[in-house]
Amino acid sequence: QVQLVESGGGLVQAGGSLRLSCIASGFNFDISTVGWDRQVPGEQLELVATPTAGDLRNYAPFAKGRFTISRDNDKATLDLQRNDLKPDDTAVYYCYLYQRWSYDPYWGQGTQVTVSS
């Protein structure tokens, strides 16, 4: 059974930190394209961050300097460390995965993050 399970969301004050984790099972994780998206209430889904080739990372402008994405292929996990959180970071965060040669992503169930001012 293939699935992505996120954890680590919650309520945090502005300026605080949270670490989100995504555990993948049933995939060839090491050859998959993975990343984090988020959906702010009333807005479209947007990219937060994704690891690209080697040690390269692609971050949305709002995430640069504050968020760090990391993957562990041995554990099939994808983490997102978020620092200096702002109320605008309030959203549901989703882990996604594209299997090799596929254009259809898998999604986790999402984890709610609420940042209070």
C-alpha atoms as a PDB file:
ATOM      1  CA  GLN A   1       0.000   0.000   0.000  1.00  0.00           C
ATOM      2  CA  VAL A   2       1.379   3.365  -1.011  1.00  0.00           C
ATOM      3  CA  GLN A   3       0.898   6.281   1.311  1.00  0.00           C
ATOM      4  CA  LEU A   4       2.340   9.511   2.593  1.00  0.00           C
ATOM      5  CA  VAL A   5       1.793  10.455   6.203  1.00  0.00           C
ATOM      6  CA  GLU A   6       2.549  13.937   7.486  1.00  0.00           C
ATOM      7  CA  SER A   7       3.050  15.005  11.057  1.00  0.00           C
ATOM      8  CA  GLY A   8       4.322  17.960  13.036  1.00  0.00           C
ATOM      9  CA  GLY A   9       1.665  20.574  12.478  1.00  0.00           C
ATOM     10  CA  GLY A  10       0.028  22.558  15.224  1.00  0.00           C
ATOM     11  CA  LEU A  11      -0.349  25.962  16.788  1.00  0.00           C
ATOM     12  CA  VAL A  12       2.676  28.171  17.239  1.00  0.00           C
ATOM     13  CA  GLN A  13       3.281  31.826  18.000  1.00  0.00           C
ATOM     14  CA  ALA A  14       4.786  34.158  15.453  1.00  0.00           C
ATOM     15  CA  GLY A  15       8.553  33.861  15.454  1.00  0.00           C
ATOM     16  CA  GLY A  16       8.420  30.251  16.553  1.00  0.00           C
ATOM     17  CA  SER A  17       9.509  27.092  14.774  1.00  0.00           C
ATOM     18  CA  LEU A  18       7.923  23.834  13.701  1.00  0.00           C
ATOM     19  CA  ARG A  19       9.287  20.792  11.946  1.00  0.00           C
ATOM     20  CA  LEU A  20       7.042  18.881   9.604  1.00  0.00           C
ATOM     21  CA  SER A  21       7.775  15.298   8.676  1.00  0.00           C
ATOM     22  CA  CYS A  22       6.471  13.103   5.883  1.00  0.00           C
ATOM     23  CA  ILE A  23       6.939   9.348   5.884  1.00  0.00           C
ATOM     24  CA  ALA A  24       6.505   7.531   2.598  1.00  0.00           C
ATOM     25  CA  SER A  25       5.736   3.852   2.258  1.00  0.00           C
ATOM     26  CA  GLY A  26       5.238   1.626  -0.741  1.00  0.00           C
ATOM     27  CA  PHE A  27       7.318   3.813  -3.069  1.00  0.00           C
ATOM     28  CA  ASN A  28      10.763   3.738  -4.606  1.00  0.00           C
ATOM     29  CA  PHE A  29      11.394   6.862  -2.598  1.00  0.00           C
ATOM     30  CA  ASP A  30      14.983   7.428  -3.660  1.00  0.00           C
ATOM     31  CA  ILE A  31      14.044   7.864  -7.329  1.00  0.00           C
ATOM     32  CA  SER A  32      10.867   9.855  -6.706  1.00  0.00           C
ATOM     33  CA  THR A  33      10.342  13.592  -6.900  1.00  0.00           C
ATOM     34  CA  VAL A  34       9.082  14.892  -3.571  1.00  0.00           C
ATOM     35  CA  GLY A  35       8.270  18.190  -1.955  1.00  0.00           C
ATOM     36  CA  TRP A  36       5.985  20.246   0.238  1.00  0.00           C
ATOM     37  CA  ASP A  37       3.089  22.388  -0.880  1.00  0.00           C
ATOM     38  CA  ARG A  38       0.692  24.426   1.192  1.00  0.00           C
ATOM     39  CA  GLN A  39      -2.787  25.821   0.873  1.00  0.00           C
ATOM     40  CA  VAL A  40      -3.653  29.042   2.598  1.00  0.00           C
ATOM     41  CA  PRO A  41      -7.383  29.425   3.277  1.00  0.00           C
ATOM     42  CA  GLY A  42      -9.132  30.819   0.215  1.00  0.00           C
ATOM     43  CA  GLU A  43      -6.087  30.511  -2.004  1.00  0.00           C
ATOM     44  CA  GLN A  44      -4.618  27.977  -4.410  1.00  0.00           C
ATOM     45  CA  LEU A  45      -2.121  25.312  -3.570  1.00  0.00           C
ATOM     46  CA  GLU A  46       1.425  26.647  -3.799  1.00  0.00           C
ATOM     47  CA  LEU A  47       4.869  25.148  -3.748  1.00  0.00           C
ATOM     48  CA  VAL A  48       6.837  25.550  -0.538  1.00  0.00           C
ATOM     49  CA  ALA A  49      10.024  23.619  -1.274  1.00  0.00           C
ATOM     50  CA  THR A  50      11.413  20.636  -3.111  1.00  0.00           C
ATOM     51  CA  PRO A  51      14.810  18.980  -3.245  1.00  0.00           C
ATOM     52  CA  THR A  52      16.189  18.907  -6.758  1.00  0.00           C
ATOM     53  CA  ALA A  53      19.397  17.362  -8.065  1.00  0.00           C
ATOM     54  CA  GLY A  54      22.127  16.545  -5.577  1.00  0.00           C
ATOM     55  CA  ASP A  55      22.175  19.029  -2.708  1.00  0.00           C
ATOM     56  CA  LEU A  56      20.136  21.631  -4.539  1.00  0.00           C
ATOM     57  CA  ARG A  57      16.845  22.844  -3.117  1.00  0.00           C
ATOM     58  CA  ASN A  58      14.091  24.880  -4.711  1.00  0.00           C
ATOM     59  CA  TYR A  59      12.266  27.224  -2.326  1.00  0.00           C
ATOM     60  CA  ALA A  60       9.352  29.552  -2.805  1.00  0.00           C
ATOM     61  CA  PRO A  61      10.340  33.187  -2.202  1.00  0.00           C
ATOM     62  CA  PHE A  62       8.468  33.276   1.121  1.00  0.00           C
ATOM     63  CA  ALA A  63      10.384  30.215   2.317  1.00  0.00           C
ATOM     64  CA  LYS A  64      13.923  31.267   1.469  1.00  0.00           C
ATOM     65  CA  GLY A  65      16.029  31.893   4.531  1.00  0.00           C
ATOM     66  CA  ARG A  66      13.382  30.552   6.906  1.00  0.00           C
ATOM     67  CA  PHE A  67      12.549  27.034   5.753  1.00  0.00           C
ATOM     68  CA  THR A  68      14.842  24.075   5.174  1.00  0.00           C
ATOM     69  CA  ILE A  69      13.794  20.930   3.344  1.00  0.00           C
ATOM     70  CA  SER A  70      15.652  17.669   3.737  1.00  0.00           C
ATOM     71  CA  ARG A  71      15.125  14.131   2.560  1.00  0.00           C
ATOM     72  CA  ASP A  72      16.426  10.842   3.880  1.00  0.00           C
ATOM     73  CA  ASN A  73      16.229   8.189   1.211  1.00  0.00           C
ATOM     74  CA  ASP A  74      17.154   5.400   3.626  1.00  0.00           C
ATOM     75  CA  LYS A  75      14.230   6.248   5.900  1.00  0.00           C
ATOM     76  CA  ALA A  76      11.954   7.444   3.074  1.00  0.00           C
ATOM     77  CA  THR A  77      11.239  10.671   4.892  1.00  0.00           C
ATOM     78  CA  LEU A  78      10.945  14.287   3.875  1.00  0.00           C
ATOM     79  CA  ASP A  79      11.228  16.960   6.524  1.00  0.00           C
ATOM     80  CA  LEU A  80      10.529  20.667   6.473  1.00  0.00           C
ATOM     81  CA  GLN A  81      12.093  22.760   9.204  1.00  0.00           C
ATOM     82  CA  ARG A  82      10.361  26.117   9.459  1.00  0.00           C
ATOM     83  CA  ASN A  83      11.747  28.971  11.515  1.00  0.00           C
ATOM     84  CA  ASP A  84      10.622  32.516  12.168  1.00  0.00           C
ATOM     85  CA  LEU A  85       7.040  31.594  11.396  1.00  0.00           C
ATOM     86  CA  LYS A  86       4.600  34.333  10.497  1.00  0.00           C
ATOM     87  CA  PRO A  87       0.797  34.468  10.627  1.00  0.00           C
ATOM     88  CA  ASP A  88       0.846  34.340   6.808  1.00  0.00           C
ATOM     89  CA  ASP A  89       2.348  30.856   7.082  1.00  0.00           C
ATOM     90  CA  THR A  90      -0.962  29.600   8.453  1.00  0.00           C
ATOM     91  CA  ALA A  91      -2.013  26.890   6.029  1.00  0.00           C
ATOM     92  CA  VAL A  92      -2.489  23.197   5.496  1.00  0.00           C
ATOM     93  CA  TYR A  93       0.841  21.715   4.454  1.00  0.00           C
ATOM     94  CA  TYR A  94       0.945  18.733   2.128  1.00  0.00           C
ATOM     95  CA  CYS A  95       3.702  16.350   1.257  1.00  0.00           C
ATOM     96  CA  TYR A  96       3.661  15.144  -2.350  1.00  0.00           C
ATOM     97  CA  LEU A  97       5.457  12.499  -4.364  1.00  0.00           C
ATOM     98  CA  TYR A  98       5.811  11.810  -8.079  1.00  0.00           C
ATOM     99  CA  GLN A  99       6.974   8.361  -8.948  1.00  0.00           C
ATOM    100  CA  ARG A 100       9.555   8.144 -11.700  1.00  0.00           C
ATOM    101  CA  TRP A 101       8.108   8.746 -15.175  1.00  0.00           C
ATOM    102  CA  SER A 102       4.708   9.677 -13.708  1.00  0.00           C
ATOM    103  CA  TYR A 103       2.901  13.019 -13.876  1.00  0.00           C
ATOM    104  CA  ASP A 104       0.287  11.995 -11.306  1.00  0.00           C
ATOM    105  CA  PRO A 105       1.298  12.917  -7.784  1.00  0.00           C
ATOM    106  CA  TYR A 106       0.473  11.221  -4.545  1.00  0.00           C
ATOM    107  CA  TRP A 107      -0.509  13.449  -1.631  1.00  0.00           C
ATOM    108  CA  GLY A 108      -0.513  13.097   2.071  1.00  0.00           C
ATOM    109  CA  GLN A 109      -3.568  13.953   4.128  1.00  0.00           C
ATOM    110  CA  GLY A 110      -2.177  17.354   5.052  1.00  0.00           C
ATOM    111  CA  THR A 111      -1.212  18.838   8.372  1.00  0.00           C
ATOM    112  CA  GLN A 112      -2.611  22.097   9.698  1.00  0.00           C
ATOM    113  CA  VAL A 113      -0.231  24.789  10.833  1.00  0.00           C
ATOM    114  CA  THR A 114      -1.611  27.843  12.597  1.00  0.00           C
ATOM    115  CA  VAL A 115       0.628  30.765  13.486  1.00  0.00           C
ATOM    116  CA  SER A 116      -0.778  33.249  15.956  1.00  0.00           C
ATOM    117  CA  SER A 117       0.296  36.861  16.094  1.00  0.00           C
END
